[in-house]
N, C-alpha and C. Protein backbone atom coordinates (compact mmCIF):
# COMPACT_ATOMS: atom_id res chain seq x y z
N MET A 1 19.25 -79.80 5.62
CA MET A 1 19.31 -80.76 4.52
C MET A 1 19.82 -80.06 3.26
N VAL A 2 20.66 -80.76 2.52
CA VAL A 2 21.27 -80.20 1.32
C VAL A 2 20.65 -80.86 0.09
N GLN A 3 20.41 -80.07 -0.94
CA GLN A 3 19.84 -80.58 -2.19
C GLN A 3 20.67 -80.06 -3.36
N GLY A 4 21.03 -80.95 -4.28
CA GLY A 4 21.81 -80.56 -5.44
C GLY A 4 20.95 -80.31 -6.66
N ASP A 5 21.52 -79.63 -7.64
CA ASP A 5 20.84 -79.34 -8.91
C ASP A 5 19.46 -78.72 -8.72
N PHE A 6 19.38 -77.78 -7.79
CA PHE A 6 18.11 -77.10 -7.55
C PHE A 6 17.98 -75.94 -8.53
N PRO A 7 16.88 -75.85 -9.29
CA PRO A 7 16.72 -74.78 -10.28
C PRO A 7 16.74 -73.40 -9.62
N LEU A 8 17.48 -72.48 -10.22
CA LEU A 8 17.62 -71.13 -9.67
C LEU A 8 17.21 -70.08 -10.68
N PHE A 9 16.58 -69.03 -10.18
CA PHE A 9 16.15 -67.91 -11.02
C PHE A 9 16.71 -66.63 -10.40
N PRO A 10 17.92 -66.21 -10.77
CA PRO A 10 18.46 -64.95 -10.26
C PRO A 10 17.66 -63.77 -10.82
N LEU A 11 17.18 -62.91 -9.94
CA LEU A 11 16.34 -61.79 -10.35
C LEU A 11 16.68 -60.56 -9.51
N GLY A 12 16.17 -59.44 -9.93
CA GLY A 12 16.37 -58.20 -9.18
C GLY A 12 15.31 -58.00 -8.13
N ILE A 13 14.84 -59.08 -7.53
CA ILE A 13 13.81 -59.01 -6.48
C ILE A 13 14.19 -59.96 -5.35
N VAL A 14 13.53 -59.78 -4.22
CA VAL A 14 13.64 -60.71 -3.09
C VAL A 14 12.26 -61.28 -2.84
N ALA A 15 12.14 -62.59 -2.85
CA ALA A 15 10.87 -63.24 -2.54
C ALA A 15 10.90 -63.73 -1.09
N LEU A 16 9.74 -63.74 -0.46
CA LEU A 16 9.61 -64.21 0.91
C LEU A 16 8.64 -65.39 0.97
N PRO A 17 8.81 -66.29 1.93
CA PRO A 17 7.81 -67.33 2.13
C PRO A 17 6.42 -66.73 2.30
N SER A 18 5.45 -67.30 1.61
CA SER A 18 4.03 -66.91 1.57
C SER A 18 3.75 -65.75 0.61
N GLU A 19 4.80 -65.12 0.06
CA GLU A 19 4.58 -63.98 -0.84
C GLU A 19 4.16 -64.45 -2.23
N ALA A 20 3.16 -63.80 -2.80
CA ALA A 20 2.75 -64.06 -4.17
C ALA A 20 3.65 -63.26 -5.11
N VAL A 21 4.27 -63.96 -6.07
CA VAL A 21 5.24 -63.33 -6.97
C VAL A 21 4.85 -63.64 -8.42
N PRO A 22 4.28 -62.68 -9.15
CA PRO A 22 3.99 -62.90 -10.57
C PRO A 22 5.27 -62.76 -11.39
N LEU A 23 5.43 -63.63 -12.38
CA LEU A 23 6.63 -63.61 -13.21
C LEU A 23 6.24 -63.75 -14.68
N HIS A 24 6.98 -63.03 -15.52
CA HIS A 24 6.86 -63.18 -16.97
C HIS A 24 8.08 -63.95 -17.45
N ILE A 25 7.87 -65.12 -17.99
CA ILE A 25 8.97 -66.01 -18.39
C ILE A 25 9.16 -65.90 -19.90
N PHE A 26 10.32 -65.37 -20.32
CA PHE A 26 10.53 -65.18 -21.75
C PHE A 26 11.84 -65.75 -22.26
N GLU A 27 12.88 -65.82 -21.43
CA GLU A 27 14.15 -66.39 -21.90
C GLU A 27 14.00 -67.90 -22.09
N PRO A 28 14.55 -68.44 -23.19
CA PRO A 28 14.40 -69.88 -23.46
C PRO A 28 14.86 -70.77 -22.31
N ARG A 29 15.97 -70.43 -21.64
CA ARG A 29 16.46 -71.31 -20.57
C ARG A 29 15.50 -71.34 -19.39
N TYR A 30 14.86 -70.21 -19.11
CA TYR A 30 13.91 -70.19 -18.00
C TYR A 30 12.56 -70.77 -18.40
N ARG A 31 12.23 -70.69 -19.69
CA ARG A 31 11.03 -71.39 -20.16
C ARG A 31 11.21 -72.89 -19.98
N THR A 32 12.42 -73.38 -20.28
CA THR A 32 12.72 -74.80 -20.07
C THR A 32 12.63 -75.15 -18.59
N MET A 33 13.19 -74.30 -17.74
CA MET A 33 13.18 -74.56 -16.30
C MET A 33 11.76 -74.62 -15.76
N ILE A 34 10.94 -73.64 -16.12
CA ILE A 34 9.57 -73.60 -15.62
C ILE A 34 8.76 -74.77 -16.16
N ALA A 35 8.99 -75.14 -17.42
CA ALA A 35 8.27 -76.29 -17.99
C ALA A 35 8.60 -77.56 -17.21
N GLU A 36 9.87 -77.74 -16.85
CA GLU A 36 10.26 -78.92 -16.07
C GLU A 36 9.67 -78.87 -14.66
N CYS A 37 9.65 -77.69 -14.06
CA CYS A 37 9.06 -77.56 -12.73
C CYS A 37 7.57 -77.89 -12.76
N LEU A 38 6.88 -77.44 -13.81
CA LEU A 38 5.46 -77.75 -13.94
C LEU A 38 5.24 -79.24 -14.14
N GLU A 39 6.07 -79.85 -14.97
CA GLU A 39 5.91 -81.28 -15.27
C GLU A 39 6.17 -82.13 -14.04
N ASN A 40 7.15 -81.73 -13.23
CA ASN A 40 7.55 -82.54 -12.08
C ASN A 40 6.96 -82.07 -10.76
N GLY A 41 6.17 -80.99 -10.80
CA GLY A 41 5.63 -80.44 -9.56
C GLY A 41 6.72 -79.97 -8.63
N GLN A 42 7.76 -79.35 -9.19
CA GLN A 42 8.96 -79.00 -8.45
C GLN A 42 9.04 -77.51 -8.17
N GLU A 43 9.66 -77.16 -7.06
CA GLU A 43 9.94 -75.77 -6.74
C GLU A 43 11.17 -75.30 -7.51
N PHE A 44 11.35 -73.99 -7.55
CA PHE A 44 12.59 -73.38 -8.00
C PHE A 44 12.93 -72.26 -7.03
N GLY A 45 14.15 -71.77 -7.09
CA GLY A 45 14.58 -70.77 -6.13
C GLY A 45 14.80 -69.41 -6.75
N ILE A 46 14.28 -68.37 -6.10
CA ILE A 46 14.58 -66.99 -6.49
C ILE A 46 15.70 -66.48 -5.59
N VAL A 47 16.77 -66.00 -6.21
CA VAL A 47 17.87 -65.39 -5.47
C VAL A 47 18.08 -63.98 -6.01
N TRP A 48 18.35 -63.06 -5.11
CA TRP A 48 18.50 -61.66 -5.49
C TRP A 48 19.85 -61.44 -6.17
N ALA A 49 19.80 -61.02 -7.44
CA ALA A 49 21.01 -60.64 -8.17
C ALA A 49 21.22 -59.15 -7.94
N SER A 50 21.85 -58.82 -6.82
CA SER A 50 22.04 -57.42 -6.43
C SER A 50 23.24 -56.83 -7.14
N ASP A 51 23.45 -55.53 -6.96
CA ASP A 51 24.61 -54.86 -7.55
C ASP A 51 25.91 -55.42 -6.99
N ASP A 52 25.83 -55.99 -5.79
CA ASP A 52 27.02 -56.56 -5.14
C ASP A 52 27.22 -58.04 -5.48
N GLY A 53 26.37 -58.56 -6.34
CA GLY A 53 26.48 -59.97 -6.71
C GLY A 53 25.29 -60.77 -6.23
N LEU A 54 25.35 -62.07 -6.47
CA LEU A 54 24.27 -62.97 -6.11
C LEU A 54 24.25 -63.18 -4.60
N ARG A 55 23.11 -62.90 -3.97
CA ARG A 55 22.99 -63.11 -2.53
C ARG A 55 22.89 -64.61 -2.23
N GLN A 56 23.37 -64.99 -1.07
CA GLN A 56 23.46 -66.41 -0.74
C GLN A 56 22.18 -66.99 -0.15
N ILE A 57 21.33 -66.13 0.41
CA ILE A 57 20.07 -66.60 0.98
C ILE A 57 18.95 -66.30 0.00
N GLY A 58 18.23 -67.34 -0.41
CA GLY A 58 17.13 -67.17 -1.35
C GLY A 58 15.87 -67.81 -0.83
N CYS A 59 14.84 -67.79 -1.66
CA CYS A 59 13.54 -68.34 -1.27
C CYS A 59 13.03 -69.27 -2.37
N ALA A 60 12.67 -70.47 -1.98
CA ALA A 60 12.05 -71.39 -2.93
C ALA A 60 10.64 -70.93 -3.24
N CYS A 61 10.20 -71.19 -4.46
CA CYS A 61 8.85 -70.80 -4.89
C CYS A 61 8.17 -71.97 -5.59
N GLU A 62 6.89 -72.09 -5.36
CA GLU A 62 6.09 -73.06 -6.10
C GLU A 62 5.25 -72.31 -7.12
N ILE A 63 4.94 -72.98 -8.22
CA ILE A 63 4.12 -72.36 -9.26
C ILE A 63 2.66 -72.58 -8.89
N ALA A 64 1.99 -71.50 -8.51
CA ALA A 64 0.60 -71.60 -8.08
C ALA A 64 -0.36 -71.66 -9.26
N GLU A 65 -0.01 -70.94 -10.34
CA GLU A 65 -0.93 -70.87 -11.47
C GLU A 65 -0.20 -70.39 -12.71
N VAL A 66 -0.54 -70.98 -13.85
CA VAL A 66 -0.09 -70.45 -15.13
C VAL A 66 -1.18 -69.50 -15.61
N LEU A 67 -0.87 -68.22 -15.64
CA LEU A 67 -1.88 -67.22 -15.96
C LEU A 67 -2.14 -67.13 -17.46
N GLU A 68 -1.06 -67.27 -18.25
CA GLU A 68 -1.23 -67.18 -19.71
C GLU A 68 -0.03 -67.83 -20.40
N ARG A 69 -0.32 -68.57 -21.45
CA ARG A 69 0.72 -69.12 -22.33
C ARG A 69 0.63 -68.38 -23.66
N HIS A 70 1.72 -67.76 -24.05
CA HIS A 70 1.75 -67.02 -25.30
C HIS A 70 2.15 -67.94 -26.46
N ASP A 71 1.77 -67.55 -27.67
CA ASP A 71 2.03 -68.38 -28.84
C ASP A 71 3.52 -68.59 -29.08
N ASP A 72 4.35 -67.64 -28.68
CA ASP A 72 5.79 -67.75 -28.92
C ASP A 72 6.53 -68.49 -27.81
N GLY A 73 5.79 -69.07 -26.86
CA GLY A 73 6.41 -69.85 -25.79
C GLY A 73 6.58 -69.11 -24.48
N ARG A 74 6.36 -67.80 -24.49
CA ARG A 74 6.45 -67.06 -23.23
C ARG A 74 5.29 -67.45 -22.31
N MET A 75 5.51 -67.26 -21.01
CA MET A 75 4.48 -67.59 -20.03
C MET A 75 4.37 -66.50 -18.98
N ASP A 76 3.16 -66.29 -18.51
CA ASP A 76 2.92 -65.47 -17.33
C ASP A 76 2.46 -66.43 -16.23
N ILE A 77 3.19 -66.44 -15.13
CA ILE A 77 2.87 -67.37 -14.05
C ILE A 77 2.75 -66.63 -12.73
N LEU A 78 2.02 -67.23 -11.81
CA LEU A 78 1.93 -66.73 -10.45
C LEU A 78 2.60 -67.75 -9.55
N THR A 79 3.61 -67.31 -8.82
CA THR A 79 4.33 -68.20 -7.91
C THR A 79 4.11 -67.74 -6.48
N ARG A 80 4.44 -68.63 -5.55
CA ARG A 80 4.32 -68.28 -4.13
C ARG A 80 5.54 -68.80 -3.38
N GLY A 81 6.14 -67.93 -2.57
CA GLY A 81 7.31 -68.33 -1.80
C GLY A 81 6.96 -69.40 -0.78
N THR A 82 7.90 -70.33 -0.56
CA THR A 82 7.62 -71.44 0.35
C THR A 82 8.61 -71.52 1.52
N ARG A 83 9.92 -71.53 1.25
CA ARG A 83 10.89 -71.76 2.32
C ARG A 83 12.25 -71.17 1.93
N PRO A 84 13.03 -70.73 2.93
CA PRO A 84 14.33 -70.13 2.64
C PRO A 84 15.42 -71.19 2.46
N PHE A 85 16.44 -70.81 1.73
CA PHE A 85 17.59 -71.69 1.55
C PHE A 85 18.86 -70.86 1.46
N ARG A 86 19.97 -71.53 1.67
CA ARG A 86 21.28 -70.92 1.48
C ARG A 86 21.93 -71.56 0.26
N LEU A 87 22.42 -70.73 -0.64
CA LEU A 87 23.10 -71.23 -1.83
C LEU A 87 24.51 -71.66 -1.46
N VAL A 88 24.75 -72.96 -1.49
CA VAL A 88 26.07 -73.50 -1.14
C VAL A 88 27.03 -73.36 -2.30
N GLU A 89 26.54 -73.69 -3.50
CA GLU A 89 27.39 -73.62 -4.69
C GLU A 89 26.51 -73.47 -5.92
N ALA A 90 26.87 -72.53 -6.78
CA ALA A 90 26.14 -72.35 -8.03
C ALA A 90 26.74 -73.24 -9.11
N HIS A 91 25.87 -73.82 -9.94
CA HIS A 91 26.30 -74.68 -11.04
C HIS A 91 25.96 -73.99 -12.36
N ASP A 92 26.90 -74.00 -13.27
CA ASP A 92 26.68 -73.33 -14.56
C ASP A 92 26.46 -74.29 -15.72
N ASP A 93 27.00 -75.50 -15.62
CA ASP A 93 27.04 -76.38 -16.79
C ASP A 93 26.21 -77.65 -16.66
N ASP A 94 25.68 -77.94 -15.47
CA ASP A 94 25.01 -79.22 -15.27
C ASP A 94 23.66 -79.29 -15.97
N LEU A 95 22.96 -78.17 -16.04
CA LEU A 95 21.61 -78.13 -16.60
C LEU A 95 21.52 -76.98 -17.60
N PRO A 96 20.49 -76.96 -18.45
CA PRO A 96 20.37 -75.88 -19.45
C PRO A 96 19.92 -74.55 -18.86
N TYR A 97 19.80 -74.48 -17.54
CA TYR A 97 19.41 -73.26 -16.85
C TYR A 97 20.22 -73.19 -15.55
N PRO A 98 20.28 -72.03 -14.90
CA PRO A 98 21.05 -71.92 -13.65
C PRO A 98 20.51 -72.87 -12.57
N SER A 99 21.42 -73.45 -11.84
CA SER A 99 21.04 -74.35 -10.74
C SER A 99 22.13 -74.29 -9.69
N GLY A 100 21.91 -74.98 -8.60
CA GLY A 100 22.92 -74.97 -7.56
C GLY A 100 22.62 -75.98 -6.47
N THR A 101 23.59 -76.14 -5.60
CA THR A 101 23.41 -76.93 -4.39
C THR A 101 22.93 -75.98 -3.31
N VAL A 102 21.81 -76.32 -2.68
CA VAL A 102 21.23 -75.45 -1.66
C VAL A 102 21.07 -76.20 -0.35
N GLU A 103 21.12 -75.44 0.73
CA GLU A 103 20.85 -75.98 2.06
C GLU A 103 19.56 -75.36 2.57
N TRP A 104 18.61 -76.21 2.93
CA TRP A 104 17.34 -75.71 3.45
C TRP A 104 17.54 -75.21 4.88
N LEU A 105 16.98 -74.06 5.18
CA LEU A 105 17.23 -73.40 6.46
C LEU A 105 16.03 -73.51 7.39
N ASP A 106 16.26 -74.02 8.58
CA ASP A 106 15.22 -74.13 9.59
C ASP A 106 15.40 -73.02 10.63
N ASP A 107 14.29 -72.62 11.22
CA ASP A 107 14.35 -71.66 12.33
C ASP A 107 14.84 -72.37 13.59
N LYS A 108 15.47 -71.60 14.46
CA LYS A 108 15.87 -72.17 15.74
C LYS A 108 14.63 -72.40 16.60
N ALA A 109 14.71 -73.38 17.48
CA ALA A 109 13.60 -73.67 18.38
C ALA A 109 13.49 -72.56 19.42
N GLU A 110 12.31 -71.98 19.56
CA GLU A 110 12.11 -70.90 20.52
C GLU A 110 10.63 -70.75 20.82
N GLN A 111 10.35 -70.11 21.93
CA GLN A 111 8.98 -69.77 22.30
C GLN A 111 8.67 -68.37 21.80
N LEU A 112 7.57 -68.22 21.10
CA LEU A 112 7.20 -66.89 20.63
C LEU A 112 6.87 -65.99 21.82
N ASP A 113 7.39 -64.76 21.76
CA ASP A 113 7.13 -63.79 22.81
C ASP A 113 5.82 -63.07 22.50
N ASP A 114 4.85 -63.17 23.40
CA ASP A 114 3.52 -62.61 23.15
C ASP A 114 3.56 -61.11 22.89
N ALA A 115 4.37 -60.39 23.65
CA ALA A 115 4.46 -58.94 23.48
C ALA A 115 5.04 -58.59 22.12
N THR A 116 6.00 -59.38 21.66
CA THR A 116 6.62 -59.14 20.35
C THR A 116 5.61 -59.38 19.24
N VAL A 117 4.84 -60.45 19.36
CA VAL A 117 3.81 -60.75 18.37
C VAL A 117 2.76 -59.65 18.34
N GLU A 118 2.30 -59.23 19.50
CA GLU A 118 1.25 -58.21 19.59
C GLU A 118 1.72 -56.88 19.01
N ALA A 119 2.97 -56.51 19.28
CA ALA A 119 3.51 -55.25 18.76
C ALA A 119 3.54 -55.26 17.24
N ALA A 120 3.94 -56.38 16.66
CA ALA A 120 4.00 -56.48 15.20
C ALA A 120 2.60 -56.43 14.60
N HIS A 121 1.67 -57.18 15.18
CA HIS A 121 0.30 -57.19 14.67
C HIS A 121 -0.36 -55.82 14.80
N GLU A 122 -0.10 -55.14 15.89
CA GLU A 122 -0.68 -53.81 16.09
C GLU A 122 -0.15 -52.81 15.06
N ALA A 123 1.16 -52.86 14.82
CA ALA A 123 1.75 -51.95 13.83
C ALA A 123 1.23 -52.26 12.44
N TYR A 124 1.08 -53.54 12.12
CA TYR A 124 0.58 -53.93 10.80
C TYR A 124 -0.87 -53.47 10.62
N ALA A 125 -1.71 -53.71 11.63
CA ALA A 125 -3.11 -53.31 11.54
C ALA A 125 -3.24 -51.80 11.37
N THR A 126 -2.41 -51.05 12.09
CA THR A 126 -2.46 -49.59 11.99
C THR A 126 -2.07 -49.12 10.60
N LEU A 127 -1.03 -49.74 10.03
CA LEU A 127 -0.59 -49.35 8.68
C LEU A 127 -1.67 -49.68 7.65
N VAL A 128 -2.24 -50.87 7.74
CA VAL A 128 -3.28 -51.26 6.78
C VAL A 128 -4.47 -50.31 6.87
N GLN A 129 -4.87 -49.99 8.09
CA GLN A 129 -6.02 -49.12 8.27
C GLN A 129 -5.74 -47.71 7.75
N GLN A 130 -4.53 -47.22 8.00
CA GLN A 130 -4.20 -45.86 7.56
C GLN A 130 -4.01 -45.79 6.05
N ALA A 131 -3.50 -46.87 5.45
CA ALA A 131 -3.22 -46.85 4.02
C ALA A 131 -4.43 -47.19 3.17
N THR A 132 -5.36 -47.99 3.72
CA THR A 132 -6.47 -48.49 2.89
C THR A 132 -7.85 -48.17 3.45
N ASP A 133 -7.92 -47.61 4.65
CA ASP A 133 -9.19 -47.35 5.33
C ASP A 133 -9.95 -48.64 5.64
N ALA A 134 -9.25 -49.77 5.60
CA ALA A 134 -9.86 -51.06 5.93
C ALA A 134 -9.11 -51.66 7.11
N GLU A 135 -9.84 -52.34 7.96
CA GLU A 135 -9.23 -52.96 9.13
C GLU A 135 -9.10 -54.45 8.90
N PRO A 136 -7.89 -55.02 9.06
CA PRO A 136 -7.73 -56.46 8.83
C PRO A 136 -8.56 -57.28 9.81
N GLU A 137 -9.06 -58.42 9.34
CA GLU A 137 -9.84 -59.29 10.21
C GLU A 137 -8.97 -59.80 11.34
N ARG A 138 -9.54 -59.79 12.55
CA ARG A 138 -8.76 -60.16 13.73
C ARG A 138 -8.23 -61.59 13.65
N GLU A 139 -9.06 -62.51 13.19
CA GLU A 139 -8.65 -63.91 13.12
C GLU A 139 -7.48 -64.09 12.15
N ARG A 140 -7.57 -63.42 11.01
CA ARG A 140 -6.49 -63.50 10.02
C ARG A 140 -5.23 -62.83 10.55
N LEU A 141 -5.40 -61.69 11.21
CA LEU A 141 -4.26 -60.96 11.75
C LEU A 141 -3.53 -61.79 12.80
N ASP A 142 -4.28 -62.45 13.67
CA ASP A 142 -3.67 -63.25 14.74
C ASP A 142 -2.84 -64.40 14.20
N ALA A 143 -3.17 -64.86 12.99
CA ALA A 143 -2.46 -66.00 12.41
C ALA A 143 -1.26 -65.58 11.56
N MET A 144 -1.05 -64.28 11.38
CA MET A 144 -0.01 -63.82 10.46
C MET A 144 1.37 -63.88 11.10
N SER A 145 2.31 -64.46 10.35
CA SER A 145 3.71 -64.48 10.76
C SER A 145 4.40 -63.22 10.26
N ALA A 146 5.66 -63.08 10.62
CA ALA A 146 6.44 -61.94 10.13
C ALA A 146 6.51 -61.98 8.60
N TYR A 147 6.73 -63.17 8.04
CA TYR A 147 6.77 -63.29 6.58
C TYR A 147 5.43 -62.88 5.97
N ASP A 148 4.32 -63.32 6.57
CA ASP A 148 3.00 -63.02 6.03
C ASP A 148 2.78 -61.51 5.95
N MET A 149 3.16 -60.80 7.01
CA MET A 149 2.98 -59.35 7.01
C MET A 149 3.91 -58.67 6.01
N ALA A 150 5.16 -59.08 6.00
CA ALA A 150 6.13 -58.45 5.10
C ALA A 150 5.81 -58.72 3.64
N ALA A 151 5.13 -59.83 3.36
CA ALA A 151 4.81 -60.19 1.98
C ALA A 151 3.80 -59.24 1.36
N THR A 152 3.10 -58.45 2.18
CA THR A 152 2.07 -57.56 1.66
C THR A 152 2.47 -56.09 1.69
N VAL A 153 3.70 -55.81 2.11
CA VAL A 153 4.18 -54.42 2.22
C VAL A 153 5.51 -54.31 1.47
N ASP A 154 5.66 -53.26 0.69
CA ASP A 154 6.90 -53.07 -0.07
C ASP A 154 7.94 -52.39 0.83
N PHE A 155 8.76 -53.20 1.49
CA PHE A 155 9.75 -52.67 2.42
C PHE A 155 11.07 -52.32 1.74
N GLY A 156 11.28 -52.76 0.53
CA GLY A 156 12.57 -52.57 -0.12
C GLY A 156 13.38 -53.85 -0.06
N LEU A 157 14.32 -53.98 -0.98
CA LEU A 157 15.04 -55.24 -1.15
C LEU A 157 15.95 -55.59 0.02
N GLU A 158 16.70 -54.61 0.52
CA GLU A 158 17.62 -54.90 1.62
C GLU A 158 16.87 -55.34 2.87
N ALA A 159 15.74 -54.69 3.14
CA ALA A 159 14.95 -55.06 4.32
C ALA A 159 14.39 -56.47 4.17
N LYS A 160 13.89 -56.79 2.98
CA LYS A 160 13.35 -58.13 2.76
C LYS A 160 14.45 -59.18 2.83
N GLN A 161 15.63 -58.86 2.31
CA GLN A 161 16.74 -59.80 2.39
C GLN A 161 17.15 -60.02 3.84
N GLY A 162 17.10 -58.95 4.62
CA GLY A 162 17.41 -59.08 6.04
C GLY A 162 16.45 -60.00 6.75
N LEU A 163 15.16 -59.88 6.44
CA LEU A 163 14.16 -60.77 7.03
C LEU A 163 14.42 -62.22 6.64
N LEU A 164 14.72 -62.42 5.37
CA LEU A 164 14.93 -63.78 4.86
C LEU A 164 16.14 -64.43 5.52
N SER A 165 17.09 -63.62 5.96
CA SER A 165 18.33 -64.15 6.52
C SER A 165 18.22 -64.50 8.01
N LEU A 166 17.16 -64.06 8.67
CA LEU A 166 17.01 -64.31 10.11
C LEU A 166 16.42 -65.69 10.36
N ARG A 167 16.98 -66.40 11.33
CA ARG A 167 16.50 -67.75 11.64
C ARG A 167 15.70 -67.78 12.93
N SER A 168 15.17 -66.65 13.32
CA SER A 168 14.35 -66.55 14.53
C SER A 168 13.09 -65.77 14.20
N GLU A 169 11.91 -66.36 14.49
CA GLU A 169 10.66 -65.66 14.23
C GLU A 169 10.53 -64.45 15.14
N ASN A 170 10.99 -64.55 16.38
CA ASN A 170 10.95 -63.38 17.26
C ASN A 170 11.77 -62.23 16.68
N ALA A 171 12.95 -62.56 16.15
CA ALA A 171 13.80 -61.52 15.55
C ALA A 171 13.14 -60.93 14.32
N ARG A 172 12.51 -61.78 13.51
CA ARG A 172 11.82 -61.27 12.32
C ARG A 172 10.66 -60.36 12.72
N LEU A 173 9.91 -60.75 13.74
CA LEU A 173 8.79 -59.92 14.19
C LEU A 173 9.28 -58.56 14.69
N ARG A 174 10.39 -58.54 15.41
CA ARG A 174 10.93 -57.26 15.88
C ARG A 174 11.36 -56.39 14.71
N LEU A 175 11.99 -57.00 13.70
CA LEU A 175 12.41 -56.23 12.53
C LEU A 175 11.19 -55.73 11.76
N VAL A 176 10.19 -56.58 11.58
CA VAL A 176 8.97 -56.16 10.89
C VAL A 176 8.30 -55.01 11.62
N THR A 177 8.28 -55.06 12.94
CA THR A 177 7.68 -53.98 13.72
C THR A 177 8.40 -52.66 13.45
N ARG A 178 9.73 -52.69 13.45
CA ARG A 178 10.49 -51.46 13.16
C ARG A 178 10.20 -50.96 11.75
N LEU A 179 10.13 -51.87 10.80
CA LEU A 179 9.87 -51.48 9.41
C LEU A 179 8.46 -50.91 9.26
N LEU A 180 7.49 -51.52 9.92
CA LEU A 180 6.11 -51.03 9.85
C LEU A 180 5.98 -49.65 10.48
N ARG A 181 6.63 -49.45 11.61
CA ARG A 181 6.56 -48.14 12.27
C ARG A 181 7.24 -47.07 11.43
N ALA A 182 8.33 -47.43 10.76
CA ALA A 182 8.99 -46.48 9.86
C ALA A 182 8.09 -46.15 8.68
N ALA A 183 7.39 -47.17 8.16
CA ALA A 183 6.46 -46.94 7.05
C ALA A 183 5.31 -46.04 7.48
N LEU A 184 4.84 -46.21 8.71
CA LEU A 184 3.77 -45.35 9.23
C LEU A 184 4.22 -43.90 9.31
N LYS A 185 5.45 -43.68 9.74
CA LYS A 185 5.97 -42.31 9.82
C LYS A 185 6.05 -41.69 8.42
N ARG A 186 6.51 -42.48 7.44
CA ARG A 186 6.59 -41.96 6.07
C ARG A 186 5.21 -41.67 5.52
N LEU A 187 4.26 -42.56 5.80
CA LEU A 187 2.90 -42.35 5.32
C LEU A 187 2.28 -41.11 5.95
N ASP A 188 2.52 -40.93 7.23
CA ASP A 188 2.01 -39.75 7.92
C ASP A 188 2.61 -38.48 7.35
N PHE A 189 3.91 -38.52 7.04
CA PHE A 189 4.58 -37.35 6.45
C PHE A 189 3.99 -37.03 5.08
N ILE A 190 3.76 -38.08 4.27
CA ILE A 190 3.19 -37.87 2.93
C ILE A 190 1.80 -37.27 3.02
N GLU A 191 0.99 -37.79 3.94
CA GLU A 191 -0.37 -37.28 4.09
C GLU A 191 -0.36 -35.82 4.53
N ARG A 192 0.55 -35.47 5.45
CA ARG A 192 0.63 -34.08 5.90
C ARG A 192 1.13 -33.18 4.78
N ALA A 193 2.08 -33.69 3.97
CA ALA A 193 2.60 -32.89 2.86
C ALA A 193 1.52 -32.67 1.81
N GLN A 194 0.71 -33.69 1.54
CA GLN A 194 -0.37 -33.54 0.57
C GLN A 194 -1.42 -32.57 1.07
N ALA A 195 -1.73 -32.65 2.37
CA ALA A 195 -2.70 -31.72 2.94
C ALA A 195 -2.19 -30.29 2.87
N ARG A 196 -0.89 -30.13 3.10
CA ARG A 196 -0.30 -28.79 3.03
C ARG A 196 -0.33 -28.27 1.60
N ALA A 197 -0.07 -29.15 0.63
CA ALA A 197 -0.10 -28.74 -0.77
C ALA A 197 -1.50 -28.30 -1.18
N ARG A 198 -2.52 -29.03 -0.68
CA ARG A 198 -3.90 -28.67 -1.02
C ARG A 198 -4.30 -27.33 -0.42
N SER A 199 -3.62 -26.95 0.67
CA SER A 199 -3.96 -25.68 1.33
C SER A 199 -3.02 -24.55 0.93
N ASN A 200 -2.29 -24.75 -0.18
CA ASN A 200 -1.34 -23.75 -0.67
C ASN A 200 -0.27 -23.41 0.35
N GLY A 201 0.12 -24.41 1.13
CA GLY A 201 1.20 -24.21 2.08
C GLY A 201 0.78 -23.61 3.40
N LYS A 202 -0.50 -23.29 3.54
CA LYS A 202 -0.98 -22.70 4.79
C LYS A 202 -1.53 -23.78 5.71
N VAL A 203 -1.30 -23.63 6.98
CA VAL A 203 -1.81 -24.57 7.96
C VAL A 203 -3.16 -24.08 8.45
N HIS A 204 -4.16 -24.96 8.38
CA HIS A 204 -5.51 -24.59 8.80
C HIS A 204 -5.77 -25.06 10.23
N PHE A 205 -6.23 -24.17 11.07
CA PHE A 205 -6.49 -24.50 12.47
C PHE A 205 -7.98 -24.67 12.75
N GLY A 206 -8.82 -24.45 11.79
CA GLY A 206 -10.24 -24.59 12.07
C GLY A 206 -11.06 -24.31 10.84
């Protein structure tokens, strides 16, 4: 489905469905945009303004909460990603803020692969446990999608954009698993390096 005049917020970030994204709104045009979204209960879209230009796949966000309204009109808001879209055409003059024609993107119909789901959940649980010493609740873990897991880990912009561009949950789960395992290796390396630094570079065997 295509929608015209959809409010857009080009930023140096990538938002994912289900991800909580706090924003500080200070430019007058975006204050106008957010005020209209609040008044109409409308979503807006975050698109990554990368060094290579505006990316075509973005994520719609809903305003979950206005955290603070400043006297000068600035706002601190908490938003949450909802659904991916493709930017068909950007509009510069139709509204007092950036907007565009967007196409809402659906996943292809497929059966989730149990082994793929389990591998992703296992890698996520291991990373959470190693990074926080806390084990995620099994019921919550079983319900987590690839987006849900990626929304809580800082994978980097290119990796998040890659996830947002995939139209298969199985493919996203496989990518998330690779990213989680890579993060585990980095975390393990950091922990070993810190342990070595504490021991003045000497390896302790007992």
